[in-house]
PDB file of all heavy atoms in Angstrom:
ATOM      1  N   SER A   1      78.941  21.548-103.655  1.00  0.00           N
ATOM      2  CA  SER A   1      78.666  20.872-102.401  1.00  0.00           C
ATOM      3  C   SER A   1      77.932  21.742-101.383  1.00  0.00           C
ATOM      4  O   SER A   1      78.391  22.852-101.060  1.00  0.00           O
ATOM      5  CB  SER A   1      79.971  20.380-101.771  1.00  0.00           C
ATOM      6  OG  SER A   1      79.824  20.090-100.410  1.00  0.00           O
ATOM      7  N   SER A   2      76.841  21.254-100.879  1.00  0.00           N
ATOM      8  CA  SER A   2      76.059  22.008 -99.861  1.00  0.00           C
ATOM      9  C   SER A   2      76.886  22.229 -98.600  1.00  0.00           C
ATOM     10  O   SER A   2      76.759  23.265 -97.950  1.00  0.00           O
ATOM     11  CB  SER A   2      74.789  21.241 -99.531  1.00  0.00           C
ATOM     12  OG  SER A   2      75.078  19.924 -99.083  1.00  0.00           O
ATOM     13  N   ILE A   3      77.743  21.275 -98.281  1.00  0.00           N
ATOM     14  CA  ILE A   3      78.563  21.388 -97.065  1.00  0.00           C
ATOM     15  C   ILE A   3      79.615  22.479 -97.246  1.00  0.00           C
ATOM     16  O   ILE A   3      79.880  23.298 -96.355  1.00  0.00           O
ATOM     17  CB  ILE A   3      79.234  20.037 -96.734  1.00  0.00           C
ATOM     18  CG1 ILE A   3      78.172  18.927 -96.695  1.00  0.00           C
ATOM     19  CG2 ILE A   3      79.969  20.120 -95.408  1.00  0.00           C
ATOM     20  CD1 ILE A   3      76.983  19.191 -95.809  1.00  0.00           C
ATOM     21  N   THR A   4      80.235  22.485 -98.422  1.00  0.00           N
ATOM     22  CA  THR A   4      81.207  23.538 -98.714  1.00  0.00           C
ATOM     23  C   THR A   4      80.558  24.922 -98.653  1.00  0.00           C
ATOM     24  O   THR A   4      81.161  25.876 -98.165  1.00  0.00           O
ATOM     25  CB  THR A   4      81.829  23.311-100.113  1.00  0.00           C
ATOM     26  OG1 THR A   4      82.719  22.193-100.051  1.00  0.00           O
ATOM     27  CG2 THR A   4      82.592  24.526-100.601  1.00  0.00           C
ATOM     28  N   GLN A   5      79.328  25.026 -99.125  1.00  0.00           N
ATOM     29  CA  GLN A   5      78.648  26.324 -99.102  1.00  0.00           C
ATOM     30  C   GLN A   5      78.397  26.772 -97.662  1.00  0.00           C
ATOM     31  O   GLN A   5      78.564  27.955 -97.346  1.00  0.00           O
ATOM     32  CB  GLN A   5      77.357  26.261 -99.894  1.00  0.00           C
ATOM     33  CG  GLN A   5      77.575  26.071-101.382  1.00  0.00           C
ATOM     34  CD  GLN A   5      76.346  26.393-102.197  1.00  0.00           C
ATOM     35  OE1 GLN A   5      75.800  27.481-102.104  1.00  0.00           O
ATOM     36  NE2 GLN A   5      75.901  25.433-103.006  1.00  0.00           N
ATOM     37  N   ALA A   6      78.017  25.854 -96.789  1.00  0.00           N
ATOM     38  CA  ALA A   6      77.811  26.209 -95.389  1.00  0.00           C
ATOM     39  C   ALA A   6      79.110  26.697 -94.765  1.00  0.00           C
ATOM     40  O   ALA A   6      79.135  27.683 -94.013  1.00  0.00           O
ATOM     41  CB  ALA A   6      77.262  25.017 -94.621  1.00  0.00           C
ATOM     42  N   ALA A   7      80.205  25.997 -95.071  1.00  0.00           N
ATOM     43  CA  ALA A   7      81.519  26.416 -94.556  1.00  0.00           C
ATOM     44  C   ALA A   7      81.899  27.776 -95.102  1.00  0.00           C
ATOM     45  O   ALA A   7      82.466  28.629 -94.381  1.00  0.00           O
ATOM     46  CB  ALA A   7      82.582  25.369 -94.932  1.00  0.00           C
ATOM     47  N   SER A   8      81.610  28.031 -96.384  1.00  0.00           N
ATOM     48  CA  SER A   8      81.995  29.296 -97.007  1.00  0.00           C
ATOM     49  C   SER A   8      81.211  30.476 -96.444  1.00  0.00           C
ATOM     50  O   SER A   8      81.747  31.582 -96.344  1.00  0.00           O
ATOM     51  CB  SER A   8      81.782  29.198 -98.521  1.00  0.00           C
ATOM     52  OG  SER A   8      82.596  28.173 -99.078  1.00  0.00           O
ATOM     53  N   ILE A   9      79.943  30.248 -96.078  1.00  0.00           N
ATOM     54  CA  ILE A   9      79.160  31.301 -95.428  1.00  0.00           C
ATOM     55  C   ILE A   9      79.843  31.715 -94.125  1.00  0.00           C
ATOM     56  O   ILE A   9      79.987  32.914 -93.830  1.00  0.00           O
ATOM     57  CB  ILE A   9      77.719  30.836 -95.171  1.00  0.00           C
ATOM     58  CG1 ILE A   9      76.968  30.696 -96.507  1.00  0.00           C
ATOM     59  CG2 ILE A   9      76.988  31.800 -94.244  1.00  0.00           C
ATOM     60  CD1 ILE A   9      75.644  29.955 -96.394  1.00  0.00           C
ATOM     61  N   ALA A  10      80.292  30.742 -93.343  1.00  0.00           N
ATOM     62  CA  ALA A  10      80.996  31.054 -92.096  1.00  0.00           C
ATOM     63  C   ALA A  10      82.299  31.801 -92.378  1.00  0.00           C
ATOM     64  O   ALA A  10      82.627  32.769 -91.667  1.00  0.00           O
ATOM     65  CB  ALA A  10      81.288  29.766 -91.322  1.00  0.00           C
ATOM     66  N   ALA A  11      83.020  31.369 -93.421  1.00  0.00           N
ATOM     67  CA  ALA A  11      84.281  32.037 -93.773  1.00  0.00           C
ATOM     68  C   ALA A  11      84.047  33.502 -94.065  1.00  0.00           C
ATOM     69  O   ALA A  11      84.793  34.387 -93.604  1.00  0.00           O
ATOM     70  CB  ALA A  11      84.931  31.352 -94.942  1.00  0.00           C
ATOM     71  N   LEU A  12      83.013  33.805 -94.830  1.00  0.00           N
ATOM     72  CA  LEU A  12      82.793  35.163 -95.331  1.00  0.00           C
ATOM     73  C   LEU A  12      82.068  36.079 -94.331  1.00  0.00           C
ATOM     74  O   LEU A  12      82.111  37.303 -94.495  1.00  0.00           O
ATOM     75  CB  LEU A  12      82.004  35.115 -96.632  1.00  0.00           C
ATOM     76  CG  LEU A  12      82.724  34.472 -97.821  1.00  0.00           C
ATOM     77  CD1 LEU A  12      81.759  34.203 -98.960  1.00  0.00           C
ATOM     78  CD2 LEU A  12      83.886  35.316 -98.275  1.00  0.00           C
ATOM     79  N   THR A  13      81.416  35.484 -93.345  1.00  0.00           N
ATOM     80  CA  THR A  13      80.617  36.313 -92.433  1.00  0.00           C
ATOM     81  C   THR A  13      81.154  36.361 -91.008  1.00  0.00           C
ATOM     82  O   THR A  13      80.698  37.192 -90.222  1.00  0.00           O
ATOM     83  CB  THR A  13      79.161  35.817 -92.380  1.00  0.00           C
ATOM     84  OG1 THR A  13      79.131  34.453 -91.901  1.00  0.00           O
ATOM     85  CG2 THR A  13      78.515  35.858 -93.758  1.00  0.00           C
ATOM     86  N   GLN A  14      82.086  35.483 -90.665  1.00  0.00           N
ATOM     87  CA  GLN A  14      82.625  35.464 -89.319  1.00  0.00           C
ATOM     88  C   GLN A  14      84.042  36.020 -89.301  1.00  0.00           C
ATOM     89  O   GLN A  14      84.464  36.692 -90.242  1.00  0.00           O
ATOM     90  CB  GLN A  14      82.521  34.043 -88.750  1.00  0.00           C
ATOM     91  CG  GLN A  14      81.063  33.557 -88.630  1.00  0.00           C
ATOM     92  CD  GLN A  14      80.927  32.159 -88.043  1.00  0.00           C
ATOM     93  OE1 GLN A  14      81.771  31.715 -87.250  1.00  0.00           O
ATOM     94  NE2 GLN A  14      79.877  31.464 -88.438  1.00  0.00           N
ATOM     95  N   SER A  15      84.797  35.758 -88.250  1.00  0.00           N
ATOM     96  CA  SER A  15      86.080  36.408 -88.022  1.00  0.00           C
ATOM     97  C   SER A  15      87.115  36.114 -89.128  1.00  0.00           C
ATOM     98  O   SER A  15      87.289  34.969 -89.547  1.00  0.00           O
ATOM     99  CB  SER A  15      86.666  35.965 -86.687  1.00  0.00           C
ATOM    100  OG  SER A  15      87.968  36.471 -86.507  1.00  0.00           O
ATOM    101  N   ASP A  16      87.773  37.177 -89.581  1.00  0.00           N
ATOM    102  CA  ASP A  16      88.905  37.052 -90.508  1.00  0.00           C
ATOM    103  C   ASP A  16      90.257  36.967 -89.780  1.00  0.00           C
ATOM    104  O   ASP A  16      91.291  36.965 -90.433  1.00  0.00           O
ATOM    105  CB  ASP A  16      88.949  38.272 -91.461  1.00  0.00           C
ATOM    106  CG  ASP A  16      87.963  38.148 -92.597  1.00  0.00           C
ATOM    107  OD1 ASP A  16      87.416  37.038 -92.815  1.00  0.00           O
ATOM    108  OD2 ASP A  16      87.731  39.156 -93.296  1.00  0.00           O
ATOM    109  N   GLU A  17      90.237  36.901 -88.473  1.00  0.00           N
ATOM    110  CA  GLU A  17      91.489  36.951 -87.726  1.00  0.00           C
ATOM    111  C   GLU A  17      92.438  35.828 -88.125  1.00  0.00           C
ATOM    112  O   GLU A  17      93.655  36.074 -88.294  1.00  0.00           O
ATOM    113  CB  GLU A  17      91.215  36.910 -86.231  1.00  0.00           C
ATOM    114  CG  GLU A  17      92.460  37.025 -85.359  1.00  0.00           C
ATOM    115  CD  GLU A  17      93.290  38.284 -85.639  1.00  0.00           C
ATOM    116  OE1 GLU A  17      92.711  39.318 -86.050  1.00  0.00           O
ATOM    117  OE2 GLU A  17      94.526  38.222 -85.465  1.00  0.00           O
ATOM    118  N   PRO A  18      91.969  34.566 -88.291  1.00  0.00           N
ATOM    119  CA  PRO A  18      92.906  33.535 -88.735  1.00  0.00           C
ATOM    120  C   PRO A  18      93.551  33.864 -90.082  1.00  0.00           C
ATOM    121  O   PRO A  18      94.737  33.580 -90.291  1.00  0.00           O
ATOM    122  CB  PRO A  18      92.026  32.267 -88.825  1.00  0.00           C
ATOM    123  CG  PRO A  18      90.917  32.515 -87.900  1.00  0.00           C
ATOM    124  CD  PRO A  18      90.627  33.999 -87.979  1.00  0.00           C
ATOM    125  N   SER A  19      92.819  34.475 -90.969  1.00  0.00           N
ATOM    126  CA  SER A  19      93.376  34.874 -92.286  1.00  0.00           C
ATOM    127  C   SER A  19      94.441  35.965 -92.120  1.00  0.00           C
ATOM    128  O   SER A  19      95.465  35.930 -92.796  1.00  0.00           O
ATOM    129  CB  SER A  19      92.256  35.369 -93.199  1.00  0.00           C
ATOM    130  OG  SER A  19      91.331  34.353 -93.449  1.00  0.00           O
ATOM    131  N   ARG A  20      94.164  36.906 -91.219  1.00  0.00           N
ATOM    132  CA  ARG A  20      95.178  37.962 -90.983  1.00  0.00           C
ATOM    133  C   ARG A  20      96.440  37.396 -90.385  1.00  0.00           C
ATOM    134  O   ARG A  20      97.561  37.794 -90.747  1.00  0.00           O
ATOM    135  CB  ARG A  20      94.585  39.037 -90.079  1.00  0.00           C
ATOM    136  CG  ARG A  20      93.567  39.939 -90.767  1.00  0.00           C
ATOM    137  CD  ARG A  20      93.196  41.132 -89.926  1.00  0.00           C
ATOM    138  NE  ARG A  20      92.357  40.780 -88.780  1.00  0.00           N
ATOM    139  CZ  ARG A  20      91.019  40.747 -88.812  1.00  0.00           C
ATOM    140  NH1 ARG A  20      90.377  41.065 -89.930  1.00  0.00           N
ATOM    141  NH2 ARG A  20      90.329  40.423 -87.757  1.00  0.00           N
ATOM    142  N   GLN A  21      96.305  36.426 -89.485  1.00  0.00           N
ATOM    143  CA  GLN A  21      97.491  35.781 -88.880  1.00  0.00           C
ATOM    144  C   GLN A  21      98.277  35.005 -89.913  1.00  0.00           C
ATOM    145  O   GLN A  21      99.504  35.039 -89.927  1.00  0.00           O
ATOM    146  CB  GLN A  21      97.039  34.879 -87.731  1.00  0.00           C
ATOM    147  CG  GLN A  21      96.472  35.623 -86.518  1.00  0.00           C
ATOM    148  CD  GLN A  21      95.960  34.688 -85.449  1.00  0.00           C
ATOM    149  OE1 GLN A  21      96.061  33.459 -85.554  1.00  0.00           O
ATOM    150  NE2 GLN A  21      95.378  35.242 -84.391  1.00  0.00           N
ATOM    151  N   MET A  22      97.543  34.319 -90.811  1.00  0.00           N
ATOM    152  CA  MET A  22      98.211  33.556 -91.855  1.00  0.00           C
ATOM    153  C   MET A  22      98.990  34.486 -92.789  1.00  0.00           C
ATOM    154  O   MET A  22     100.149  34.217 -93.136  1.00  0.00           O
ATOM    155  CB  MET A  22      97.152  32.781 -92.655  1.00  0.00           C
ATOM    156  CG  MET A  22      97.725  31.948 -93.796  1.00  0.00           C
ATOM    157  SD  MET A  22      96.475  30.926 -94.625  1.00  0.00           S
ATOM    158  CE  MET A  22      95.468  32.176 -95.433  1.00  0.00           C
ATOM    159  N   THR A  23      98.377  35.610 -93.167  1.00  0.00           N
ATOM    160  CA  THR A  23      99.056  36.554 -94.042  1.00  0.00           C
ATOM    161  C   THR A  23     100.282  37.168 -93.365  1.00  0.00           C
ATOM    162  O   THR A  23     101.331  37.343 -94.010  1.00  0.00           O
ATOM    163  CB  THR A  23      98.077  37.681 -94.460  1.00  0.00           C
ATOM    164  OG1 THR A  23      97.009  37.093 -95.221  1.00  0.00           O
ATOM    165  CG2 THR A  23      98.776  38.735 -95.319  1.00  0.00           C
ATOM    166  N   ALA A  24     100.184  37.440 -92.078  1.00  0.00           N
ATOM    167  CA  ALA A  24     101.343  37.960 -91.339  1.00  0.00           C
ATOM    168  C   ALA A  24     102.492  36.970 -91.354  1.00  0.00           C
ATOM    169  O   ALA A  24     103.662  37.342 -91.496  1.00  0.00           O
ATOM    170  CB  ALA A  24     100.940  38.311 -89.904  1.00  0.00           C
ATOM    171  N   GLU A  25     102.167  35.685 -91.229  1.00  0.00           N
ATOM    172  CA  GLU A  25     103.205  34.650 -91.270  1.00  0.00           C
ATOM    173  C   GLU A  25     103.797  34.530 -92.675  1.00  0.00           C
ATOM    174  O   GLU A  25     105.026  34.385 -92.827  1.00  0.00           O
ATOM    175  CB  GLU A  25     102.632  33.305 -90.824  1.00  0.00           C
ATOM    176  CG  GLU A  25     103.561  32.119 -90.960  1.00  0.00           C
ATOM    177  CD  GLU A  25     104.863  32.227 -90.153  1.00  0.00           C
ATOM    178  OE1 GLU A  25     104.952  33.086 -89.247  1.00  0.00           O
ATOM    179  OE2 GLU A  25     105.783  31.448 -90.418  1.00  0.00           O
ATOM    180  N   PHE A  26     102.980  34.643 -93.709  1.00  0.00           N
ATOM    181  CA  PHE A  26     103.488  34.629 -95.074  1.00  0.00           C
ATOM    182  C   PHE A  26     104.455  35.796 -95.291  1.00  0.00           C
ATOM    183  O   PHE A  26     105.499  35.648 -95.938  1.00  0.00           O
ATOM    184  CB  PHE A  26     102.363  34.690 -96.083  1.00  0.00           C
ATOM    185  CG  PHE A  26     101.644  33.382 -96.319  1.00  0.00           C
ATOM    186  CD1 PHE A  26     100.280  33.351 -96.528  1.00  0.00           C
ATOM    187  CD2 PHE A  26     102.336  32.176 -96.322  1.00  0.00           C
ATOM    188  CE1 PHE A  26      99.606  32.156 -96.749  1.00  0.00           C
ATOM    189  CE2 PHE A  26     101.681  30.973 -96.545  1.00  0.00           C
ATOM    190  CZ  PHE A  26     100.304  30.967 -96.752  1.00  0.00           C
ATOM    191  N   LYS A  27     104.104  36.959 -94.769  1.00  0.00           N
ATOM    192  CA  LYS A  27     104.983  38.130 -94.914  1.00  0.00           C
ATOM    193  C   LYS A  27     106.326  37.897 -94.249  1.00  0.00           C
ATOM    194  O   LYS A  27     107.382  38.225 -94.798  1.00  0.00           O
ATOM    195  CB  LYS A  27     104.321  39.372 -94.341  1.00  0.00           C
ATOM    196  CG  LYS A  27     105.169  40.647 -94.496  1.00  0.00           C
ATOM    197  CD  LYS A  27     104.448  41.869 -93.922  1.00  0.00           C
ATOM    198  CE  LYS A  27     105.239  43.148 -94.195  1.00  0.00           C
ATOM    199  NZ  LYS A  27     106.564  43.138 -93.536  1.00  0.00           N
ATOM    200  N   ARG A  28     106.293  37.281 -93.058  1.00  0.00           N
ATOM    201  CA  ARG A  28     107.536  37.009 -92.333  1.00  0.00           C
ATOM    202  C   ARG A  28     108.408  36.049 -93.160  1.00  0.00           C
ATOM    203  O   ARG A  28     109.630  36.258 -93.295  1.00  0.00           O
ATOM    204  CB  ARG A  28     107.201  36.399 -90.968  1.00  0.00           C
ATOM    205  CG  ARG A  28     108.378  36.295 -90.000  1.00  0.00           C
ATOM    206  CD  ARG A  28     107.966  35.621 -88.716  1.00  0.00           C
ATOM    207  NE  ARG A  28     107.737  34.201 -88.896  1.00  0.00           N
ATOM    208  CZ  ARG A  28     108.687  33.282 -88.910  1.00  0.00           C
ATOM    209  NH1 ARG A  28     109.958  33.620 -88.723  1.00  0.00           N
ATOM    210  NH2 ARG A  28     108.394  31.995 -89.075  1.00  0.00           N
ATOM    211  N   ARG A  29     107.793  35.008 -93.703  1.00  0.00           N
ATOM    212  CA  ARG A  29     108.537  34.051 -94.520  1.00  0.00           C
ATOM    213  C   ARG A  29     109.058  34.725 -95.796  1.00  0.00           C
ATOM    214  O   ARG A  29     110.185  34.447 -96.243  1.00  0.00           O
ATOM    215  CB  ARG A  29     107.644  32.885 -94.900  1.00  0.00           C
ATOM    216  CG  ARG A  29     107.195  32.021 -93.743  1.00  0.00           C
ATOM    217  CD  ARG A  29     106.261  30.967 -94.260  1.00  0.00           C
ATOM    218  NE  ARG A  29     105.618  30.206 -93.214  1.00  0.00           N
ATOM    219  CZ  ARG A  29     104.647  29.298 -93.431  1.00  0.00           C
ATOM    220  NH1 ARG A  29     104.245  29.085 -94.667  1.00  0.00           N
ATOM    221  NH2 ARG A  29     104.106  28.664 -92.418  1.00  0.00           N
ATOM    222  N   ARG A  30     108.230  35.573 -96.422  1.00  0.00           N
ATOM    223  CA  ARG A  30     108.665  36.278 -97.622  1.00  0.00           C
ATOM    224  C   ARG A  30     109.955  37.040 -97.361  1.00  0.00           C
ATOM    225  O   ARG A  30     110.903  36.961 -98.159  1.00  0.00           O
ATOM    226  CB  ARG A  30     107.587  37.260 -98.069  1.00  0.00           C
ATOM    227  CG  ARG A  30     107.955  38.069 -99.299  1.00  0.00           C
ATOM    228  CD  ARG A  30     107.150  39.341 -99.433  1.00  0.00           C
ATOM    229  NE  ARG A  30     107.375  40.295 -98.350  1.00  0.00           N
ATOM    230  CZ  ARG A  30     107.026  41.568 -98.369  1.00  0.00           C
ATOM    231  NH1 ARG A  30     106.402  42.064 -99.430  1.00  0.00           N
ATOM    232  NH2 ARG A  30     107.259  42.364 -97.337  1.00  0.00           N
ATOM    233  N   ASP A  31     110.015  37.739 -96.247  1.00  0.00           N
ATOM    234  CA  ASP A  31     111.193  38.542 -95.942  1.00  0.00           C
ATOM    235  C   ASP A  31     112.423  37.674 -95.737  1.00  0.00           C
ATOM    236  O   ASP A  31     113.530  38.026 -96.161  1.00  0.00           O
ATOM    237  CB  ASP A  31     110.918  39.422 -94.719  1.00  0.00           C
ATOM    238  CG  ASP A  31     109.823  40.452 -94.945  1.00  0.00           C
ATOM    239  OD1 ASP A  31     109.489  40.719 -96.130  1.00  0.00           O
ATOM    240  OD2 ASP A  31     109.320  41.021 -93.965  1.00  0.00           O
ATOM    241  N   ILE A  32     112.227  36.532 -95.091  1.00  0.00           N
ATOM    242  CA  ILE A  32     113.337  35.595 -94.878  1.00  0.00           C
ATOM    243  C   ILE A  32     113.838  35.055 -96.196  1.00  0.00           C
ATOM    244  O   ILE A  32     115.059  35.046 -96.487  1.00  0.00           O
ATOM    245  CB  ILE A  32     112.889  34.437 -93.953  1.00  0.00           C
ATOM    246  CG1 ILE A  32     112.647  34.949 -92.521  1.00  0.00           C
ATOM    247  CG2 ILE A  32     113.937  33.313 -93.940  1.00  0.00           C
ATOM    248  CD1 ILE A  32     111.976  33.938 -91.609  1.00  0.00           C
ATOM    249  N   VAL A  33     112.914  34.592 -97.038  1.00  0.00           N
ATOM    250  CA  VAL A  33     113.316  33.977 -98.316  1.00  0.00           C
ATOM    251  C   VAL A  33     113.971  35.012 -99.228  1.00  0.00           C
ATOM    252  O   VAL A  33     114.950  34.707 -99.916  1.00  0.00           O
ATOM    253  CB  VAL A  33     112.089  33.315 -98.981  1.00  0.00           C
ATOM    254  CG1 VAL A  33     112.462  32.822-100.382  1.00  0.00           C
ATOM    255  CG2 VAL A  33     111.590  32.151 -98.138  1.00  0.00           C
ATOM    256  N   LYS A  34     113.471  36.239 -99.215  1.00  0.00           N
ATOM    257  CA  LYS A  34     114.076  37.274-100.033  1.00  0.00           C
ATOM    258  C   LYS A  34     115.543  37.471 -99.673  1.00  0.00           C
ATOM    259  O   LYS A  34     116.430  37.559-100.533  1.00  0.00           O
ATOM    260  CB  LYS A  34     113.322  38.597 -99.858  1.00  0.00           C
ATOM    261  CG  LYS A  34     113.913  39.806-100.601  1.00  0.00           C
ATOM    262  CD  LYS A  34     113.827  39.662-102.089  1.00  0.00           C
ATOM    263  CE  LYS A  34     114.003  40.988-102.850  1.00  0.00           C
ATOM    264  NZ  LYS A  34     115.242  41.661-102.612  1.00  0.00           N
ATOM    265  N   SER A  35     115.844  37.538 -98.378  1.00  0.00           N
ATOM    266  CA  SER A  35     117.234  37.736 -97.948  1.00  0.00           C
ATOM    267  C   SER A  35     118.100  36.543 -98.340  1.00  0.00           C
ATOM    268  O   SER A  35     119.283  36.697 -98.735  1.00  0.00           O
ATOM    269  CB  SER A  35     117.311  37.982 -96.444  1.00  0.00           C
ATOM    270  OG  SER A  35     116.896  36.844 -95.720  1.00  0.00           O
ATOM    271  N   LEU A  36     117.544  35.343 -98.267  1.00  0.00           N
ATOM    272  CA  LEU A  36     118.311  34.134 -98.625  1.00  0.00           C
ATOM    273  C   LEU A  36     118.554  34.075-100.129  1.00  0.00           C
ATOM    274  O   LEU A  36     119.653  33.709-100.570  1.00  0.00           O
ATOM    275  CB  LEU A  36     117.554  32.888 -98.154  1.00  0.00           C
ATOM    276  CG  LEU A  36     117.393  32.706 -96.644  1.00  0.00           C
ATOM    277  CD1 LEU A  36     116.492  31.529 -96.322  1.00  0.00           C
ATOM    278  CD2 LEU A  36     118.757  32.532 -95.979  1.00  0.00           C
ATOM    279  N   LEU A  37     117.561  34.413-100.935  1.00  0.00           N
ATOM    280  CA  LEU A  37     117.737  34.392-102.376  1.00  0.00           C
ATOM    281  C   LEU A  37     118.710  35.476-102.837  1.00  0.00           C
ATOM    282  O   LEU A  37     119.511  35.265-103.744  1.00  0.00           O
ATOM    283  CB  LEU A  37     116.380  34.582-103.075  1.00  0.00           C
ATOM    284  CG  LEU A  37     115.392  33.421-102.993  1.00  0.00           C
ATOM    285  CD1 LEU A  37     114.051  33.829-103.607  1.00  0.00           C
ATOM    286  CD2 LEU A  37     115.944  32.180-103.704  1.00  0.00           C
ATOM    287  N   ASP A  38     118.643  36.650-102.191  1.00  0.00           N
ATOM    288  CA  ASP A  38     119.555  37.744-102.538  1.00  0.00           C
ATOM    289  C   ASP A  38     121.008  37.356-102.348  1.00  0.00           C
ATOM    290  O   ASP A  38     121.906  37.897-102.986  1.00  0.00           O
ATOM    291  CB  ASP A  38     119.247  38.979-101.670  1.00  0.00           C
ATOM    292  CG  ASP A  38     118.058  39.753-102.179  1.00  0.00           C
ATOM    293  OD1 ASP A  38     117.673  39.596-103.354  1.00  0.00           O
ATOM    294  OD2 ASP A  38     117.482  40.551-101.381  1.00  0.00           O
ATOM    295  N   ALA A  39     121.264  36.370-101.462  1.00  0.00           N
ATOM    296  CA  ALA A  39     122.629  35.971-101.157  1.00  0.00           C
ATOM    297  C   ALA A  39     123.178  34.950-102.144  1.00  0.00           C
ATOM    298  O   ALA A  39     124.371  34.585-102.060  1.00  0.00           O
ATOM    299  CB  ALA A  39     122.696  35.387 -99.736  1.00  0.00           C
ATOM    300  N   ILE A  40     122.360  34.476-103.089  1.00  0.00           N
ATOM    301  CA  ILE A  40     122.814  33.483-104.062  1.00  0.00           C
ATOM    302  C   ILE A  40     123.365  34.189-105.315  1.00  0.00           C
ATOM    303  O   ILE A  40     122.634  34.911-105.989  1.00  0.00           O
ATOM    304  CB  ILE A  40     121.674  32.534-104.474  1.00  0.00           C
ATOM    305  CG1 ILE A  40     121.121  31.797-103.242  1.00  0.00           C
ATOM    306  CG2 ILE A  40     122.172  31.528-105.521  1.00  0.00           C
ATOM    307  CD1 ILE A  40     119.936  30.895-103.567  1.00  0.00           C
ATOM    308  N   PRO A  41     124.637  34.035-105.612  1.00  0.00           N
ATOM    309  CA  PRO A  41     125.210  34.684-106.796  1.00  0.00           C
ATOM    310  C   PRO A  41     124.476  34.233-108.064  1.00  0.00           C
ATOM    311  O   PRO A  41     124.230  33.044-108.267  1.00  0.00           O
ATOM    312  CB  PRO A  41     126.664  34.215-106.796  1.00  0.00           C
ATOM    313  CG  PRO A  41     126.933  33.817-105.388  1.00  0.00           C
ATOM    314  CD  PRO A  41     125.648  33.277-104.853  1.00  0.00           C
ATOM    315  N   GLY A  42     124.120  35.175-108.935  1.00  0.00           N
ATOM    316  CA  GLY A  42     123.486  34.851-110.187  1.00  0.00           C
ATOM    317  C   GLY A  42     121.966  34.932-110.191  1.00  0.00           C
ATOM    318  O   GLY A  42     121.343  34.977-111.247  1.00  0.00           O
ATOM    319  N   ILE A  43     121.381  34.920-108.995  1.00  0.00           N
ATOM    320  CA  ILE A  43     119.910  35.013-108.884  1.00  0.00           C
ATOM    321  C   ILE A  43     119.497  36.473-108.874  1.00  0.00           C
ATOM    322  O   ILE A  43     120.111  37.302-108.169  1.00  0.00           O
ATOM    323  CB  ILE A  43     119.424  34.339-107.582  1.00  0.00           C
ATOM    324  CG1 ILE A  43     119.512  32.828-107.699  1.00  0.00           C
ATOM    325  CG2 ILE A  43     118.029  34.779-107.216  1.00  0.00           C
ATOM    326  CD1 ILE A  43     118.302  32.150-108.293  1.00  0.00           C
TER     327      ILE A  43
END
C-alpha cells in the first residue's frame, strides 16, 4: 500500500518518543505481571 509506505517513512524518520513511552509502559506492566505470577504456587 502506497499509504502505508508514506506512514512508514514518517515512522522511521520522525520522532521515536511515542515508541519509547510505549516501551516504558510495557516494562512497568512486565514488572507487575512478574510479581503476580511469582505469587502463584506451581508456576
